[in-house]
Amino acid sequence: MQNRFKSKVAWLAVASVIGFVLGNYGLYEAIGLTDQTYQTLVDLVFAALAAFGVFNNPQNPNGF
């Protein structure tokens, strides 16, 4: 069995949610990105990574 806190996928999901939240509070402007299309793409990638982490089963080391 794999502990949820040792799961790389779980930590990736946490990082993506943090990135998504920081993006909503001005991270993109702070690093100089102003293109709305790029911001939307990054937000969608963060959302997909978070969804992957939610649906991941760390109890199954051979599958999703």
N, C-alpha and C. Protein backbone atom coordinates (compact mmCIF):
# COMPACT_ATOMS: atom_id res chain seq x y z
N MET A 1 0.83 -1.19 0.00
CA MET A 1 0.00 0.00 0.00
C MET A 1 0.87 1.25 0.00
N GLN A 2 0.42 2.25 -0.71
CA GLN A 2 1.16 3.50 -0.79
C GLN A 2 0.45 4.56 0.05
N ASN A 3 1.21 5.24 0.89
CA ASN A 3 0.68 6.32 1.70
C ASN A 3 0.35 7.50 0.79
N ARG A 4 -0.77 8.16 1.04
CA ARG A 4 -1.17 9.30 0.22
C ARG A 4 -0.15 10.44 0.28
N PHE A 5 0.53 10.61 1.40
CA PHE A 5 1.51 11.69 1.52
C PHE A 5 2.81 11.37 0.81
N LYS A 6 3.01 10.13 0.41
CA LYS A 6 4.19 9.74 -0.35
C LYS A 6 3.90 9.63 -1.85
N SER A 7 2.66 9.87 -2.23
CA SER A 7 2.25 9.77 -3.62
C SER A 7 2.70 11.02 -4.39
N LYS A 8 3.49 10.81 -5.44
CA LYS A 8 3.94 11.93 -6.27
C LYS A 8 2.76 12.60 -6.97
N VAL A 9 1.77 11.81 -7.33
CA VAL A 9 0.60 12.36 -8.01
C VAL A 9 -0.19 13.25 -7.07
N ALA A 10 -0.32 12.86 -5.82
CA ALA A 10 -1.04 13.69 -4.85
C ALA A 10 -0.33 15.03 -4.67
N TRP A 11 0.99 15.01 -4.58
CA TRP A 11 1.74 16.26 -4.41
C TRP A 11 1.67 17.11 -5.67
N LEU A 12 1.63 16.48 -6.83
CA LEU A 12 1.47 17.22 -8.09
C LEU A 12 0.11 17.91 -8.12
N ALA A 13 -0.92 17.23 -7.62
CA ALA A 13 -2.25 17.83 -7.56
C ALA A 13 -2.27 19.02 -6.61
N VAL A 14 -1.61 18.88 -5.46
CA VAL A 14 -1.55 19.99 -4.50
C VAL A 14 -0.82 21.18 -5.12
N ALA A 15 0.29 20.91 -5.79
CA ALA A 15 1.05 22.00 -6.44
C ALA A 15 0.24 22.68 -7.52
N SER A 16 -0.54 21.91 -8.27
CA SER A 16 -1.34 22.52 -9.32
C SER A 16 -2.45 23.40 -8.75
N VAL A 17 -3.05 22.97 -7.65
CA VAL A 17 -4.08 23.79 -7.01
C VAL A 17 -3.47 25.07 -6.46
N ILE A 18 -2.29 24.97 -5.86
CA ILE A 18 -1.60 26.17 -5.35
C ILE A 18 -1.28 27.12 -6.50
N GLY A 19 -0.78 26.57 -7.62
CA GLY A 19 -0.50 27.39 -8.79
C GLY A 19 -1.74 28.05 -9.34
N PHE A 20 -2.84 27.33 -9.35
CA PHE A 20 -4.11 27.87 -9.83
C PHE A 20 -4.57 29.03 -8.95
N VAL A 21 -4.49 28.85 -7.65
CA VAL A 21 -4.90 29.90 -6.72
C VAL A 21 -3.99 31.13 -6.85
N LEU A 22 -2.68 30.89 -6.89
CA LEU A 22 -1.75 32.01 -7.04
C LEU A 22 -1.96 32.74 -8.37
N GLY A 23 -2.32 32.01 -9.40
CA GLY A 23 -2.62 32.63 -10.68
C GLY A 23 -3.81 33.56 -10.60
N ASN A 24 -4.78 33.19 -9.79
CA ASN A 24 -5.95 34.05 -9.61
C ASN A 24 -5.63 35.30 -8.78
N TYR A 25 -4.54 35.26 -8.03
CA TYR A 25 -4.16 36.40 -7.20
C TYR A 25 -2.97 37.17 -7.75
N GLY A 26 -2.70 37.08 -9.04
CA GLY A 26 -1.71 37.94 -9.67
C GLY A 26 -0.35 37.33 -9.94
N LEU A 27 -0.20 36.02 -9.88
CA LEU A 27 1.10 35.41 -10.17
C LEU A 27 1.55 35.71 -11.59
N TYR A 28 0.64 35.68 -12.54
CA TYR A 28 1.00 35.89 -13.94
C TYR A 28 1.54 37.30 -14.16
N GLU A 29 0.90 38.29 -13.56
CA GLU A 29 1.37 39.66 -13.71
C GLU A 29 2.71 39.86 -13.01
N ALA A 30 2.91 39.19 -11.90
CA ALA A 30 4.16 39.33 -11.14
C ALA A 30 5.36 38.80 -11.93
N ILE A 31 5.14 37.79 -12.76
CA ILE A 31 6.26 37.25 -13.53
C ILE A 31 6.28 37.77 -14.97
N GLY A 32 5.40 38.73 -15.25
CA GLY A 32 5.44 39.41 -16.54
C GLY A 32 4.59 38.81 -17.64
N LEU A 33 3.73 37.86 -17.36
CA LEU A 33 2.86 37.27 -18.39
C LEU A 33 1.53 38.00 -18.40
N THR A 34 1.17 38.54 -19.56
CA THR A 34 -0.09 39.27 -19.65
C THR A 34 -1.02 38.70 -20.72
N ASP A 35 -0.59 37.72 -21.49
CA ASP A 35 -1.40 37.18 -22.57
C ASP A 35 -2.52 36.32 -21.99
N GLN A 36 -3.75 36.72 -22.23
CA GLN A 36 -4.91 36.02 -21.67
C GLN A 36 -5.01 34.57 -22.15
N THR A 37 -4.64 34.30 -23.37
CA THR A 37 -4.71 32.93 -23.89
C THR A 37 -3.75 32.02 -23.14
N TYR A 38 -2.55 32.49 -22.89
CA TYR A 38 -1.58 31.68 -22.15
C TYR A 38 -2.05 31.45 -20.72
N GLN A 39 -2.63 32.45 -20.10
CA GLN A 39 -3.14 32.30 -18.75
C GLN A 39 -4.25 31.26 -18.70
N THR A 40 -5.13 31.28 -19.66
CA THR A 40 -6.22 30.30 -19.71
C THR A 40 -5.67 28.90 -19.91
N LEU A 41 -4.69 28.74 -20.78
CA LEU A 41 -4.08 27.44 -21.00
C LEU A 41 -3.45 26.90 -19.72
N VAL A 42 -2.71 27.74 -19.04
CA VAL A 42 -2.07 27.31 -17.79
C VAL A 42 -3.12 26.94 -16.76
N ASP A 43 -4.18 27.72 -16.65
CA ASP A 43 -5.26 27.40 -15.71
C ASP A 43 -5.90 26.06 -16.03
N LEU A 44 -6.09 25.77 -17.31
CA LEU A 44 -6.67 24.49 -17.69
C LEU A 44 -5.72 23.33 -17.38
N VAL A 45 -4.43 23.54 -17.56
CA VAL A 45 -3.46 22.50 -17.22
C VAL A 45 -3.49 22.24 -15.72
N PHE A 46 -3.53 23.31 -14.91
CA PHE A 46 -3.62 23.15 -13.46
C PHE A 46 -4.88 22.39 -13.07
N ALA A 47 -5.99 22.72 -13.70
CA ALA A 47 -7.25 22.04 -13.40
C ALA A 47 -7.18 20.56 -13.77
N ALA A 48 -6.57 20.25 -14.91
CA ALA A 48 -6.43 18.85 -15.33
C ALA A 48 -5.53 18.07 -14.36
N LEU A 49 -4.44 18.69 -13.93
CA LEU A 49 -3.55 18.02 -12.98
C LEU A 49 -4.24 17.79 -11.64
N ALA A 50 -5.02 18.76 -11.20
CA ALA A 50 -5.77 18.60 -9.95
C ALA A 50 -6.79 17.48 -10.07
N ALA A 51 -7.49 17.41 -11.21
CA ALA A 51 -8.46 16.34 -11.42
C ALA A 51 -7.77 14.98 -11.45
N PHE A 52 -6.61 14.91 -12.07
CA PHE A 52 -5.86 13.67 -12.11
C PHE A 52 -5.51 13.22 -10.69
N GLY A 53 -5.12 14.16 -9.85
CA GLY A 53 -4.79 13.84 -8.46
C GLY A 53 -5.99 13.39 -7.66
N VAL A 54 -7.14 13.96 -7.94
CA VAL A 54 -8.36 13.59 -7.22
C VAL A 54 -8.78 12.17 -7.58
N PHE A 55 -8.67 11.81 -8.85
CA PHE A 55 -9.13 10.50 -9.30
C PHE A 55 -8.06 9.41 -9.19
N ASN A 56 -6.85 9.79 -8.80
CA ASN A 56 -5.77 8.82 -8.65
C ASN A 56 -6.04 7.92 -7.44
N ASN A 57 -5.69 6.65 -7.56
CA ASN A 57 -5.82 5.71 -6.45
C ASN A 57 -4.43 5.30 -6.01
N PRO A 58 -3.90 5.88 -4.92
CA PRO A 58 -2.55 5.53 -4.48
C PRO A 58 -2.46 4.12 -3.90
N GLN A 59 -3.58 3.49 -3.68
CA GLN A 59 -3.60 2.13 -3.15
C GLN A 59 -3.26 1.11 -4.23
N ASN A 60 -3.36 1.50 -5.50
CA ASN A 60 -3.12 0.61 -6.62
C ASN A 60 -1.81 1.01 -7.30
N PRO A 61 -0.69 0.35 -7.01
CA PRO A 61 0.59 0.76 -7.58
C PRO A 61 0.74 0.41 -9.06
N ASN A 62 -0.14 -0.43 -9.60
CA ASN A 62 -0.01 -0.87 -10.99
C ASN A 62 -0.95 -0.16 -11.94
N GLY A 63 -1.84 0.68 -11.43
CA GLY A 63 -2.83 1.32 -12.30
C GLY A 63 -3.05 2.75 -11.90
N PHE A 64 -4.11 3.30 -12.44
CA PHE A 64 -4.46 4.69 -12.23
C PHE A 64 -5.06 4.82 -10.87
